[in-house]
Each structure stands twice: as structure tokens, then as C-alpha cells.
Amino acid sequence: MGFVETFQLNGVHIETTVTSTQQDIDDILWSFLRPENHNGSKVIGFDVELSMYENKVSENETRDGSECATLHLCNGQSCLIIQLPYLDSIPTSLLNFLRLPDFTFVGVGINHNLVKLEKEYGITCRNAVELGPLAATLMKMPRLSFCGVDELAFVVNDFNLRNYRPLTTLYKDWGQSNFGKKLAKLATINVYSYYMIGNTLLD
């Protein structure tokens, strides 16, 4: 079910691990803690993708729902994609890592994602930063508060994400067990971009 793949983005080689195995998660998170792997910058890109489903509320009515399918973390050199529904249990290493006081976890929509993660899996994060409002404040550009990752990457890092993926992507089921390499690349591009934007803003 899991695999390791290397993607090149903006001249950087990023090793992505897709897994639901505790040992893999322990190993990658341990590597994130090594000083040589965060170059003094303790910024981690953070993302969650959802799996959609239909919830039958009555005989004549169904409502669309969603649940957390994958959790993505990136330190700039490697990316960890955790397949949440296939975990035997939530690794203690993950819970502890997300509570480290010296690390800042950055993303777009991160606060909303954390509400769902805590409700569904009991996962919390100590230092979470929403990139839009951060960029708006530091760059004195209020409109950035409401921008997505494409616009933020372009304004903050002069980095055109559309060179690496379409501006819009067709919906995929992030909850599938046979997680493909195309989906892994899409996830890597997004969470690496969060890392890159956060690293620039917080430097």
C-alpha cells in the first residue's frame, strides 16, 4: 500500500513517503528532528486532504460529507503522507511531533483542517499558522488573507505552481488504499509550497 517516490520541484528533490505504517512514520518524523534536515529553520508544511461521501439523512435526502483521508507533512527535503483510515492507531510519535514548541506548522486552511483532525482522530497541533493572514500582515497586502496556495507562492516566492500542475485538478478520492504516484505528486507540490512560503515569511 505504501511507497517512496522522489519528485523534483523548483530544482529541489523531495523524497515522498506514502504510508500507514507506524515504523515509517516514526522514522520520517525522527529524520525531521535532525538538525541537518531543517537547517535551523523549524518550519513544517502541513496539509490534509479529505475523502467525500454521501450521508443518507432520510429516505428522500442525502447530504455530502467529508472525512480526513491523508495528513501531509514536509520539511523541505522530504514529505510524509499518512493514510489515516489505514492506521492501526495514531502513532505517539506523530502526536508528540505536532506538539513540539520549537516547530511551526504552516498551511492554507490549516485551522479548519485541525478542527476536523481533532474531532475524527484526536490529533492536535501546538503551533499552527495560517499562511494567508501571515503573508497579508508581513507584506502589508490585505488581499493575501483570502488567497490560495497558487497566489501565495507567486507573490511570496515568485514561484509559478502552474508550471508543475494545473491550476485546477479533477477531484480524486484521497481515501483510496492504492494511492497513486500522480496523487502523491500533487500532495507533495502543495505541502512543499506551504513549507516554502512559510519558511520565507518566518525567516
N, C-alpha and C. Protein backbone atom coordinates (compact mmCIF):
# COMPACT_ATOMS: atom_id res chain seq x y z
N MET A 1 0.83 -1.21 0.00
CA MET A 1 0.00 0.00 0.00
C MET A 1 0.86 1.26 0.00
N GLY A 2 1.95 1.27 0.75
CA GLY A 2 2.81 2.44 0.81
C GLY A 2 3.91 2.38 -0.24
N PHE A 3 4.56 3.53 -0.48
CA PHE A 3 5.70 3.57 -1.40
C PHE A 3 6.49 4.84 -1.15
N VAL A 4 7.69 4.88 -1.73
CA VAL A 4 8.55 6.06 -1.66
C VAL A 4 8.85 6.50 -3.08
N GLU A 5 8.72 7.80 -3.33
CA GLU A 5 8.95 8.34 -4.67
C GLU A 5 9.66 9.69 -4.52
N THR A 6 10.55 10.01 -5.45
CA THR A 6 11.24 11.31 -5.43
C THR A 6 10.67 12.20 -6.53
N PHE A 7 10.32 13.42 -6.15
CA PHE A 7 9.79 14.40 -7.10
C PHE A 7 10.72 15.60 -7.15
N GLN A 8 10.87 16.18 -8.34
CA GLN A 8 11.69 17.39 -8.48
C GLN A 8 10.78 18.59 -8.62
N LEU A 9 11.05 19.60 -7.81
CA LEU A 9 10.22 20.80 -7.80
C LEU A 9 11.12 22.00 -7.58
N ASN A 10 11.12 22.92 -8.55
CA ASN A 10 11.91 24.14 -8.40
C ASN A 10 13.39 23.83 -8.15
N GLY A 11 13.88 22.76 -8.78
CA GLY A 11 15.28 22.38 -8.63
C GLY A 11 15.58 21.61 -7.36
N VAL A 12 14.56 21.33 -6.56
CA VAL A 12 14.73 20.60 -5.30
C VAL A 12 14.19 19.18 -5.47
N HIS A 13 14.95 18.21 -4.98
CA HIS A 13 14.49 16.83 -5.00
C HIS A 13 13.84 16.52 -3.65
N ILE A 14 12.58 16.14 -3.68
CA ILE A 14 11.82 15.88 -2.46
C ILE A 14 11.44 14.40 -2.43
N GLU A 15 11.86 13.73 -1.38
CA GLU A 15 11.53 12.31 -1.23
C GLU A 15 10.21 12.19 -0.46
N THR A 16 9.22 11.60 -1.11
CA THR A 16 7.89 11.48 -0.53
C THR A 16 7.61 10.04 -0.14
N THR A 17 7.19 9.87 1.10
CA THR A 17 6.82 8.55 1.61
C THR A 17 5.31 8.52 1.86
N VAL A 18 4.62 7.62 1.20
CA VAL A 18 3.18 7.40 1.42
C VAL A 18 3.05 6.15 2.27
N THR A 19 2.41 6.26 3.43
CA THR A 19 2.42 5.11 4.35
C THR A 19 1.26 5.15 5.34
N SER A 20 0.98 3.98 5.90
CA SER A 20 0.10 3.88 7.07
C SER A 20 0.78 3.01 8.12
N THR A 21 2.10 2.89 8.01
CA THR A 21 2.87 2.03 8.90
C THR A 21 3.55 2.86 9.99
N GLN A 22 3.39 2.44 11.24
CA GLN A 22 3.95 3.21 12.34
C GLN A 22 5.46 3.36 12.24
N GLN A 23 6.15 2.30 11.84
CA GLN A 23 7.61 2.36 11.76
C GLN A 23 8.07 3.42 10.76
N ASP A 24 7.39 3.48 9.59
CA ASP A 24 7.72 4.51 8.59
C ASP A 24 7.51 5.90 9.16
N ILE A 25 6.38 6.09 9.83
CA ILE A 25 6.06 7.40 10.39
C ILE A 25 7.10 7.79 11.45
N ASP A 26 7.43 6.85 12.32
CA ASP A 26 8.46 7.11 13.34
C ASP A 26 9.77 7.52 12.70
N ASP A 27 10.18 6.79 11.66
CA ASP A 27 11.47 7.04 11.01
C ASP A 27 11.52 8.41 10.35
N ILE A 28 10.46 8.76 9.61
CA ILE A 28 10.45 10.05 8.90
C ILE A 28 10.41 11.21 9.90
N LEU A 29 9.58 11.10 10.92
CA LEU A 29 9.49 12.18 11.91
C LEU A 29 10.81 12.34 12.66
N TRP A 30 11.48 11.23 12.92
CA TRP A 30 12.79 11.30 13.57
C TRP A 30 13.79 12.04 12.67
N SER A 31 13.70 11.77 11.36
CA SER A 31 14.60 12.45 10.43
C SER A 31 14.31 13.95 10.39
N PHE A 32 13.04 14.34 10.56
CA PHE A 32 12.69 15.76 10.60
C PHE A 32 13.37 16.47 11.77
N LEU A 33 13.63 15.73 12.84
CA LEU A 33 14.20 16.33 14.06
C LEU A 33 15.71 16.54 13.97
N ARG A 34 16.37 15.88 13.02
CA ARG A 34 17.82 16.03 12.92
C ARG A 34 18.17 17.44 12.47
N PRO A 35 19.12 18.09 13.15
CA PRO A 35 19.46 19.49 12.81
C PRO A 35 19.81 19.70 11.34
N GLU A 36 20.51 18.72 10.74
CA GLU A 36 20.92 18.91 9.34
C GLU A 36 19.74 18.87 8.39
N ASN A 37 18.59 18.41 8.87
CA ASN A 37 17.43 18.30 8.00
C ASN A 37 16.45 19.46 8.10
N HIS A 38 16.74 20.42 8.97
CA HIS A 38 15.90 21.62 8.94
C HIS A 38 16.72 22.90 8.92
N ASN A 39 18.04 22.78 8.76
CA ASN A 39 18.91 23.93 8.52
C ASN A 39 18.63 25.12 9.44
N GLY A 40 18.29 24.82 10.68
CA GLY A 40 18.00 25.89 11.64
C GLY A 40 16.58 26.41 11.53
N SER A 41 15.91 26.11 10.41
CA SER A 41 14.52 26.54 10.22
C SER A 41 13.60 25.41 10.62
N LYS A 42 12.76 25.67 11.60
CA LYS A 42 11.87 24.62 12.09
C LYS A 42 10.44 24.89 11.62
N VAL A 43 10.31 24.99 10.31
CA VAL A 43 9.01 25.20 9.68
C VAL A 43 8.63 23.90 8.98
N ILE A 44 7.39 23.48 9.18
CA ILE A 44 6.90 22.25 8.56
C ILE A 44 5.62 22.57 7.78
N GLY A 45 5.62 22.23 6.49
CA GLY A 45 4.39 22.35 5.72
C GLY A 45 3.39 21.31 6.20
N PHE A 46 2.12 21.71 6.28
CA PHE A 46 1.08 20.87 6.88
C PHE A 46 -0.16 20.92 6.00
N ASP A 47 -0.67 19.76 5.63
CA ASP A 47 -1.87 19.74 4.79
C ASP A 47 -2.70 18.50 5.11
N VAL A 48 -3.97 18.58 4.83
CA VAL A 48 -4.90 17.45 4.99
C VAL A 48 -5.75 17.38 3.74
N GLU A 49 -5.97 16.20 3.23
CA GLU A 49 -6.92 16.01 2.14
C GLU A 49 -8.09 15.17 2.65
N LEU A 50 -9.26 15.43 2.07
CA LEU A 50 -10.49 14.82 2.56
C LEU A 50 -11.00 13.77 1.59
N SER A 51 -11.72 12.83 2.13
CA SER A 51 -12.45 11.84 1.34
C SER A 51 -13.93 12.20 1.45
N MET A 52 -14.61 12.25 0.31
CA MET A 52 -16.01 12.65 0.29
C MET A 52 -16.92 11.42 0.34
N TYR A 53 -18.09 11.60 0.94
CA TYR A 53 -19.06 10.52 0.98
C TYR A 53 -20.47 11.10 1.02
N GLU A 54 -21.44 10.27 0.74
CA GLU A 54 -22.84 10.67 0.83
C GLU A 54 -23.43 10.11 2.12
N ASN A 55 -24.11 10.95 2.86
CA ASN A 55 -24.70 10.55 4.12
C ASN A 55 -26.23 10.60 3.98
N LYS A 56 -26.87 9.45 4.09
CA LYS A 56 -28.33 9.40 3.94
C LYS A 56 -28.97 9.85 5.25
N VAL A 57 -29.63 11.00 5.20
CA VAL A 57 -30.25 11.54 6.42
C VAL A 57 -31.73 11.17 6.53
N SER A 58 -32.33 10.82 5.39
CA SER A 58 -33.71 10.34 5.41
C SER A 58 -33.93 9.54 4.12
N GLU A 59 -35.11 9.02 3.99
CA GLU A 59 -35.40 8.19 2.81
C GLU A 59 -35.25 8.97 1.51
N ASN A 60 -35.53 10.27 1.58
CA ASN A 60 -35.52 11.09 0.37
C ASN A 60 -34.37 12.10 0.31
N GLU A 61 -33.51 12.08 1.29
CA GLU A 61 -32.47 13.12 1.33
C GLU A 61 -31.10 12.54 1.68
N THR A 62 -30.12 12.94 0.88
CA THR A 62 -28.72 12.61 1.20
C THR A 62 -27.93 13.91 1.23
N ARG A 63 -26.95 13.94 2.09
CA ARG A 63 -26.08 15.12 2.19
C ARG A 63 -24.64 14.68 1.99
N ASP A 64 -23.89 15.54 1.31
CA ASP A 64 -22.47 15.25 1.12
C ASP A 64 -21.72 15.50 2.42
N GLY A 65 -20.82 14.60 2.75
CA GLY A 65 -19.98 14.76 3.92
C GLY A 65 -18.53 14.55 3.55
N SER A 66 -17.65 14.77 4.48
CA SER A 66 -16.23 14.55 4.23
C SER A 66 -15.55 14.10 5.51
N GLU A 67 -14.46 13.38 5.33
CA GLU A 67 -13.65 12.98 6.48
C GLU A 67 -12.18 13.03 6.08
N CYS A 68 -11.32 13.21 7.06
CA CYS A 68 -9.88 13.32 6.80
C CYS A 68 -9.35 12.00 6.26
N ALA A 69 -8.68 12.07 5.13
CA ALA A 69 -8.14 10.86 4.50
C ALA A 69 -6.63 10.77 4.61
N THR A 70 -5.95 11.89 4.40
CA THR A 70 -4.49 11.89 4.45
C THR A 70 -3.99 13.13 5.18
N LEU A 71 -2.87 12.98 5.88
CA LEU A 71 -2.18 14.07 6.55
C LEU A 71 -0.79 14.17 5.94
N HIS A 72 -0.41 15.37 5.49
CA HIS A 72 0.86 15.56 4.79
C HIS A 72 1.75 16.51 5.59
N LEU A 73 3.01 16.15 5.73
CA LEU A 73 4.00 16.98 6.42
C LEU A 73 5.24 17.09 5.54
N CYS A 74 5.84 18.28 5.47
CA CYS A 74 7.03 18.48 4.63
C CYS A 74 8.02 19.40 5.32
N ASN A 75 9.29 18.99 5.33
CA ASN A 75 10.35 19.82 5.92
C ASN A 75 11.24 20.44 4.85
N GLY A 76 10.80 20.36 3.59
CA GLY A 76 11.57 20.95 2.50
C GLY A 76 12.38 19.95 1.71
N GLN A 77 12.82 18.87 2.36
CA GLN A 77 13.59 17.84 1.67
C GLN A 77 12.83 16.53 1.56
N SER A 78 11.94 16.30 2.51
CA SER A 78 11.15 15.09 2.44
C SER A 78 9.71 15.39 2.85
N CYS A 79 8.83 14.54 2.35
CA CYS A 79 7.40 14.72 2.57
C CYS A 79 6.83 13.40 3.07
N LEU A 80 6.00 13.48 4.08
CA LEU A 80 5.35 12.30 4.66
C LEU A 80 3.86 12.41 4.42
N ILE A 81 3.30 11.41 3.74
CA ILE A 81 1.86 11.35 3.51
C ILE A 81 1.30 10.17 4.30
N ILE A 82 0.52 10.47 5.33
CA ILE A 82 -0.01 9.44 6.21
C ILE A 82 -1.45 9.12 5.79
N GLN A 83 -1.71 7.85 5.50
CA GLN A 83 -3.05 7.40 5.11
C GLN A 83 -3.83 7.08 6.38
N LEU A 84 -4.56 8.07 6.86
CA LEU A 84 -5.19 7.99 8.18
C LEU A 84 -6.15 6.82 8.38
N PRO A 85 -7.04 6.51 7.42
CA PRO A 85 -8.01 5.44 7.68
C PRO A 85 -7.37 4.06 7.84
N TYR A 86 -6.12 3.91 7.39
CA TYR A 86 -5.48 2.59 7.40
C TYR A 86 -4.49 2.41 8.56
N LEU A 87 -4.42 3.40 9.44
CA LEU A 87 -3.57 3.27 10.63
C LEU A 87 -4.21 2.31 11.62
N ASP A 88 -3.38 1.48 12.25
CA ASP A 88 -3.90 0.64 13.34
C ASP A 88 -4.28 1.51 14.54
N SER A 89 -3.45 2.52 14.79
CA SER A 89 -3.71 3.52 15.83
C SER A 89 -2.87 4.74 15.49
N ILE A 90 -3.18 5.88 16.11
CA ILE A 90 -2.41 7.10 15.85
C ILE A 90 -1.06 6.99 16.57
N PRO A 91 0.06 7.03 15.83
CA PRO A 91 1.38 6.89 16.47
C PRO A 91 1.65 7.99 17.49
N THR A 92 2.20 7.59 18.62
CA THR A 92 2.58 8.57 19.64
C THR A 92 3.59 9.56 19.10
N SER A 93 4.47 9.09 18.21
CA SER A 93 5.49 9.96 17.62
C SER A 93 4.85 11.13 16.87
N LEU A 94 3.73 10.87 16.20
CA LEU A 94 3.04 11.93 15.46
C LEU A 94 2.40 12.92 16.42
N LEU A 95 1.73 12.42 17.44
CA LEU A 95 1.08 13.30 18.42
C LEU A 95 2.12 14.18 19.11
N ASN A 96 3.26 13.60 19.47
CA ASN A 96 4.32 14.36 20.14
C ASN A 96 4.97 15.38 19.20
N PHE A 97 5.20 14.97 17.95
CA PHE A 97 5.85 15.85 16.98
C PHE A 97 5.03 17.12 16.76
N LEU A 98 3.71 16.96 16.65
CA LEU A 98 2.85 18.11 16.38
C LEU A 98 2.70 19.04 17.58
N ARG A 99 3.20 18.60 18.73
CA ARG A 99 3.13 19.44 19.94
C ARG A 99 4.49 20.05 20.29
N LEU A 100 5.50 19.84 19.45
CA LEU A 100 6.83 20.39 19.76
C LEU A 100 6.78 21.92 19.76
N PRO A 101 7.29 22.56 20.83
CA PRO A 101 7.18 24.02 20.92
C PRO A 101 8.06 24.77 19.93
N ASP A 102 9.13 24.14 19.43
CA ASP A 102 10.08 24.84 18.56
C ASP A 102 9.74 24.75 17.07
N PHE A 103 8.73 23.98 16.73
CA PHE A 103 8.35 23.83 15.33
C PHE A 103 7.06 24.59 15.04
N THR A 104 7.01 25.19 13.85
CA THR A 104 5.82 25.91 13.40
C THR A 104 5.25 25.19 12.19
N PHE A 105 3.98 24.86 12.25
CA PHE A 105 3.31 24.12 11.19
C PHE A 105 2.47 25.10 10.38
N VAL A 106 2.71 25.15 9.08
CA VAL A 106 2.09 26.18 8.24
C VAL A 106 1.27 25.54 7.13
N GLY A 107 0.17 26.22 6.76
CA GLY A 107 -0.66 25.71 5.68
C GLY A 107 -1.73 26.71 5.29
N VAL A 108 -2.49 26.34 4.29
CA VAL A 108 -3.66 27.11 3.86
C VAL A 108 -4.89 26.31 4.28
N GLY A 109 -5.75 26.93 5.09
CA GLY A 109 -6.90 26.21 5.63
C GLY A 109 -6.51 25.30 6.79
N ILE A 110 -5.36 25.57 7.39
CA ILE A 110 -4.84 24.68 8.44
C ILE A 110 -5.74 24.64 9.67
N ASN A 111 -6.34 25.77 10.03
CA ASN A 111 -7.18 25.79 11.23
C ASN A 111 -8.42 24.93 11.05
N HIS A 112 -9.02 25.01 9.87
CA HIS A 112 -10.20 24.18 9.56
C HIS A 112 -9.81 22.70 9.57
N ASN A 113 -8.66 22.40 8.96
CA ASN A 113 -8.19 21.01 8.93
C ASN A 113 -7.96 20.45 10.32
N LEU A 114 -7.42 21.27 11.21
CA LEU A 114 -7.12 20.81 12.56
C LEU A 114 -8.40 20.54 13.37
N VAL A 115 -9.44 21.32 13.11
CA VAL A 115 -10.71 21.06 13.79
C VAL A 115 -11.22 19.67 13.42
N LYS A 116 -11.14 19.34 12.12
CA LYS A 116 -11.60 18.02 11.67
C LYS A 116 -10.70 16.91 12.19
N LEU A 117 -9.39 17.16 12.17
CA LEU A 117 -8.44 16.14 12.64
C LEU A 117 -8.65 15.81 14.11
N GLU A 118 -8.88 16.84 14.91
CA GLU A 118 -9.08 16.60 16.34
C GLU A 118 -10.39 15.85 16.58
N LYS A 119 -11.42 16.24 15.85
CA LYS A 119 -12.73 15.60 16.03
C LYS A 119 -12.70 14.13 15.60
N GLU A 120 -12.01 13.84 14.50
CA GLU A 120 -12.04 12.48 13.93
C GLU A 120 -10.95 11.57 14.47
N TYR A 121 -9.77 12.16 14.81
CA TYR A 121 -8.64 11.31 15.20
C TYR A 121 -7.97 11.72 16.51
N GLY A 122 -8.43 12.81 17.12
CA GLY A 122 -7.80 13.26 18.35
C GLY A 122 -6.44 13.87 18.15
N ILE A 123 -6.15 14.29 16.91
CA ILE A 123 -4.84 14.88 16.58
C ILE A 123 -4.91 16.38 16.76
N THR A 124 -3.99 16.94 17.55
CA THR A 124 -3.92 18.38 17.77
C THR A 124 -2.53 18.89 17.39
N CYS A 125 -2.41 20.20 17.25
CA CYS A 125 -1.15 20.81 16.84
C CYS A 125 -0.91 22.06 17.69
N ARG A 126 0.30 22.19 18.19
CA ARG A 126 0.58 23.29 19.12
C ARG A 126 0.76 24.65 18.43
N ASN A 127 1.58 24.69 17.40
CA ASN A 127 1.88 25.96 16.73
C ASN A 127 1.47 25.90 15.26
N ALA A 128 0.21 26.21 14.99
CA ALA A 128 -0.30 26.20 13.62
C ALA A 128 -0.47 27.64 13.13
N VAL A 129 0.00 27.89 11.91
CA VAL A 129 -0.07 29.24 11.35
C VAL A 129 -0.74 29.20 9.98
N GLU A 130 -1.75 30.04 9.83
CA GLU A 130 -2.47 30.18 8.56
C GLU A 130 -1.67 31.13 7.66
N LEU A 131 -1.27 30.64 6.48
CA LEU A 131 -0.32 31.39 5.65
C LEU A 131 -0.91 32.66 5.04
N GLY A 132 -2.18 32.64 4.65
CA GLY A 132 -2.78 33.83 4.03
C GLY A 132 -2.71 35.07 4.92
N PRO A 133 -3.27 35.00 6.13
CA PRO A 133 -3.20 36.15 7.03
C PRO A 133 -1.76 36.53 7.40
N LEU A 134 -0.87 35.54 7.53
CA LEU A 134 0.53 35.84 7.85
C LEU A 134 1.15 36.66 6.72
N ALA A 135 0.96 36.22 5.48
CA ALA A 135 1.50 36.95 4.33
C ALA A 135 0.89 38.35 4.24
N ALA A 136 -0.42 38.45 4.49
CA ALA A 136 -1.10 39.74 4.41
C ALA A 136 -0.51 40.74 5.40
N THR A 137 -0.23 40.25 6.60
CA THR A 137 0.32 41.12 7.65
C THR A 137 1.76 41.52 7.35
N LEU A 138 2.61 40.54 7.07
CA LEU A 138 4.03 40.81 6.89
C LEU A 138 4.33 41.59 5.61
N MET A 139 3.53 41.37 4.56
CA MET A 139 3.78 42.03 3.27
C MET A 139 2.88 43.25 3.08
N LYS A 140 2.05 43.53 4.11
CA LYS A 140 1.14 44.68 4.06
C LYS A 140 0.27 44.65 2.79
N MET A 141 -0.27 43.46 2.51
CA MET A 141 -1.15 43.25 1.36
C MET A 141 -2.38 42.51 1.85
N PRO A 142 -3.40 43.24 2.35
CA PRO A 142 -4.56 42.60 2.99
C PRO A 142 -5.24 41.53 2.13
N ARG A 143 -5.24 41.69 0.82
CA ARG A 143 -5.93 40.73 -0.05
C ARG A 143 -5.36 39.33 0.07
N LEU A 144 -4.11 39.21 0.51
CA LEU A 144 -3.48 37.89 0.59
C LEU A 144 -4.13 37.01 1.66
N SER A 145 -4.86 37.63 2.58
CA SER A 145 -5.55 36.86 3.63
C SER A 145 -6.46 35.80 3.04
N PHE A 146 -6.99 36.10 1.86
CA PHE A 146 -8.02 35.25 1.29
C PHE A 146 -7.53 34.46 0.07
N CYS A 147 -6.20 34.46 -0.14
CA CYS A 147 -5.64 33.80 -1.32
C CYS A 147 -5.29 32.35 -1.05
N GLY A 148 -5.32 31.56 -2.11
CA GLY A 148 -4.91 30.16 -2.03
C GLY A 148 -3.42 30.01 -2.25
N VAL A 149 -2.98 28.77 -2.31
CA VAL A 149 -1.55 28.48 -2.39
C VAL A 149 -0.94 28.97 -3.70
N ASP A 150 -1.68 28.93 -4.81
CA ASP A 150 -1.11 29.37 -6.09
C ASP A 150 -0.70 30.84 -6.03
N GLU A 151 -1.62 31.67 -5.56
CA GLU A 151 -1.35 33.11 -5.48
C GLU A 151 -0.27 33.41 -4.45
N LEU A 152 -0.31 32.75 -3.31
CA LEU A 152 0.69 32.99 -2.26
C LEU A 152 2.09 32.60 -2.73
N ALA A 153 2.20 31.46 -3.39
CA ALA A 153 3.51 31.02 -3.87
C ALA A 153 4.07 32.02 -4.88
N PHE A 154 3.19 32.57 -5.71
CA PHE A 154 3.65 33.51 -6.74
C PHE A 154 4.07 34.84 -6.12
N VAL A 155 3.28 35.35 -5.18
CA VAL A 155 3.57 36.66 -4.57
C VAL A 155 4.76 36.57 -3.62
N VAL A 156 4.79 35.53 -2.78
CA VAL A 156 5.82 35.44 -1.74
C VAL A 156 7.15 34.93 -2.29
N ASN A 157 7.09 33.93 -3.17
CA ASN A 157 8.32 33.27 -3.63
C ASN A 157 8.57 33.40 -5.14
N ASP A 158 7.70 34.15 -5.83
CA ASP A 158 7.83 34.29 -7.27
C ASP A 158 7.91 32.90 -7.93
N PHE A 159 7.06 32.02 -7.45
CA PHE A 159 7.07 30.62 -7.86
C PHE A 159 5.73 30.28 -8.49
N ASN A 160 5.75 29.90 -9.79
CA ASN A 160 4.51 29.63 -10.51
C ASN A 160 4.16 28.15 -10.42
N LEU A 161 3.21 27.82 -9.55
CA LEU A 161 2.82 26.43 -9.36
C LEU A 161 2.21 25.82 -10.61
N ARG A 162 1.67 26.66 -11.49
CA ARG A 162 1.03 26.14 -12.69
C ARG A 162 2.03 25.50 -13.65
N ASN A 163 3.32 25.77 -13.43
CA ASN A 163 4.35 25.08 -14.22
C ASN A 163 4.47 23.62 -13.82
N TYR A 164 3.95 23.29 -12.63
CA TYR A 164 4.13 21.94 -12.09
C TYR A 164 2.82 21.15 -12.01
N ARG A 165 1.70 21.85 -12.01
CA ARG A 165 0.40 21.18 -12.00
C ARG A 165 -0.64 22.14 -12.54
N PRO A 166 -1.77 21.62 -13.01
CA PRO A 166 -2.84 22.52 -13.47
C PRO A 166 -3.35 23.38 -12.32
N LEU A 167 -3.92 24.51 -12.66
CA LEU A 167 -4.48 25.39 -11.63
C LEU A 167 -5.62 24.69 -10.90
N THR A 168 -6.42 23.93 -11.66
CA THR A 168 -7.47 23.14 -11.03
C THR A 168 -7.22 21.68 -11.35
N THR A 169 -7.52 20.83 -10.43
CA THR A 169 -7.32 19.40 -10.64
C THR A 169 -8.65 18.69 -10.41
N LEU A 170 -8.89 17.68 -11.18
CA LEU A 170 -10.11 16.91 -11.01
C LEU A 170 -10.11 16.26 -9.63
N TYR A 171 -11.29 16.17 -9.04
CA TYR A 171 -11.40 15.55 -7.72
C TYR A 171 -10.94 14.09 -7.76
N LYS A 172 -10.14 13.74 -6.80
CA LYS A 172 -9.69 12.35 -6.63
C LYS A 172 -10.08 11.89 -5.24
N ASP A 173 -10.25 10.59 -5.09
CA ASP A 173 -10.57 10.05 -3.77
C ASP A 173 -9.29 9.83 -2.99
N TRP A 174 -9.02 10.75 -2.09
CA TRP A 174 -7.79 10.67 -1.29
C TRP A 174 -7.84 9.52 -0.29
N GLY A 175 -9.00 8.93 -0.11
CA GLY A 175 -9.13 7.85 0.85
C GLY A 175 -8.84 6.47 0.29
N GLN A 176 -8.52 6.39 -1.01
CA GLN A 176 -8.28 5.09 -1.61
C GLN A 176 -6.99 4.47 -1.08
N SER A 177 -6.97 3.16 -0.96
CA SER A 177 -5.78 2.49 -0.41
C SER A 177 -4.64 2.43 -1.42
N ASN A 178 -4.97 2.24 -2.71
CA ASN A 178 -3.93 2.18 -3.73
C ASN A 178 -3.63 3.59 -4.24
N PHE A 179 -3.02 4.35 -3.38
CA PHE A 179 -2.70 5.76 -3.58
C PHE A 179 -1.66 5.87 -4.70
N GLY A 180 -2.01 6.50 -5.82
CA GLY A 180 -1.12 6.55 -6.98
C GLY A 180 -0.06 7.63 -6.89
N LYS A 181 0.91 7.53 -7.80
CA LYS A 181 2.04 8.47 -7.80
C LYS A 181 1.61 9.87 -8.24
N LYS A 182 0.60 9.95 -9.13
CA LYS A 182 0.12 11.28 -9.55
C LYS A 182 -0.47 12.03 -8.37
N LEU A 183 -1.22 11.33 -7.54
CA LEU A 183 -1.81 11.95 -6.36
C LEU A 183 -0.72 12.33 -5.36
N ALA A 184 0.27 11.47 -5.22
CA ALA A 184 1.39 11.76 -4.32
C ALA A 184 2.14 13.01 -4.77
N LYS A 185 2.31 13.16 -6.09
CA LYS A 185 2.99 14.35 -6.60
C LYS A 185 2.19 15.61 -6.32
N LEU A 186 0.88 15.54 -6.54
CA LEU A 186 0.02 16.69 -6.26
C LEU A 186 0.11 17.08 -4.79
N ALA A 187 0.04 16.09 -3.91
CA ALA A 187 0.13 16.35 -2.47
C ALA A 187 1.49 16.96 -2.12
N THR A 188 2.55 16.43 -2.73
CA THR A 188 3.91 16.93 -2.45
C THR A 188 4.06 18.37 -2.90
N ILE A 189 3.56 18.69 -4.09
CA ILE A 189 3.66 20.07 -4.59
C ILE A 189 2.98 21.04 -3.64
N ASN A 190 1.79 20.68 -3.17
CA ASN A 190 1.05 21.59 -2.28
C ASN A 190 1.75 21.77 -0.94
N VAL A 191 2.11 20.67 -0.29
CA VAL A 191 2.66 20.79 1.06
C VAL A 191 4.07 21.35 1.02
N TYR A 192 4.84 21.07 -0.03
CA TYR A 192 6.16 21.70 -0.19
C TYR A 192 6.00 23.21 -0.38
N SER A 193 4.97 23.61 -1.13
CA SER A 193 4.73 25.04 -1.34
C SER A 193 4.40 25.73 -0.03
N TYR A 194 3.61 25.06 0.83
CA TYR A 194 3.32 25.63 2.16
C TYR A 194 4.62 25.83 2.94
N TYR A 195 5.47 24.80 2.91
CA TYR A 195 6.77 24.91 3.59
C TYR A 195 7.56 26.10 3.06
N MET A 196 7.65 26.19 1.74
CA MET A 196 8.46 27.22 1.10
C MET A 196 7.94 28.63 1.44
N ILE A 197 6.63 28.81 1.36
CA ILE A 197 6.03 30.12 1.68
C ILE A 197 6.26 30.45 3.16
N GLY A 198 5.97 29.48 4.04
CA GLY A 198 6.14 29.71 5.48
C GLY A 198 7.59 29.98 5.84
N ASN A 199 8.50 29.28 5.22
CA ASN A 199 9.93 29.46 5.51
C ASN A 199 10.38 30.86 5.13
N THR A 200 9.89 31.35 3.99
CA THR A 200 10.24 32.70 3.55
C THR A 200 9.66 33.75 4.50
N LEU A 201 8.40 33.60 4.86
CA LEU A 201 7.73 34.60 5.69
C LEU A 201 8.27 34.62 7.12
N LEU A 202 8.64 33.45 7.63
CA LEU A 202 9.05 33.36 9.05
C LEU A 202 10.57 33.49 9.23
N ASP A 203 11.29 33.57 8.12
CA ASP A 203 12.75 33.65 8.19
C ASP A 203 13.18 34.94 8.88
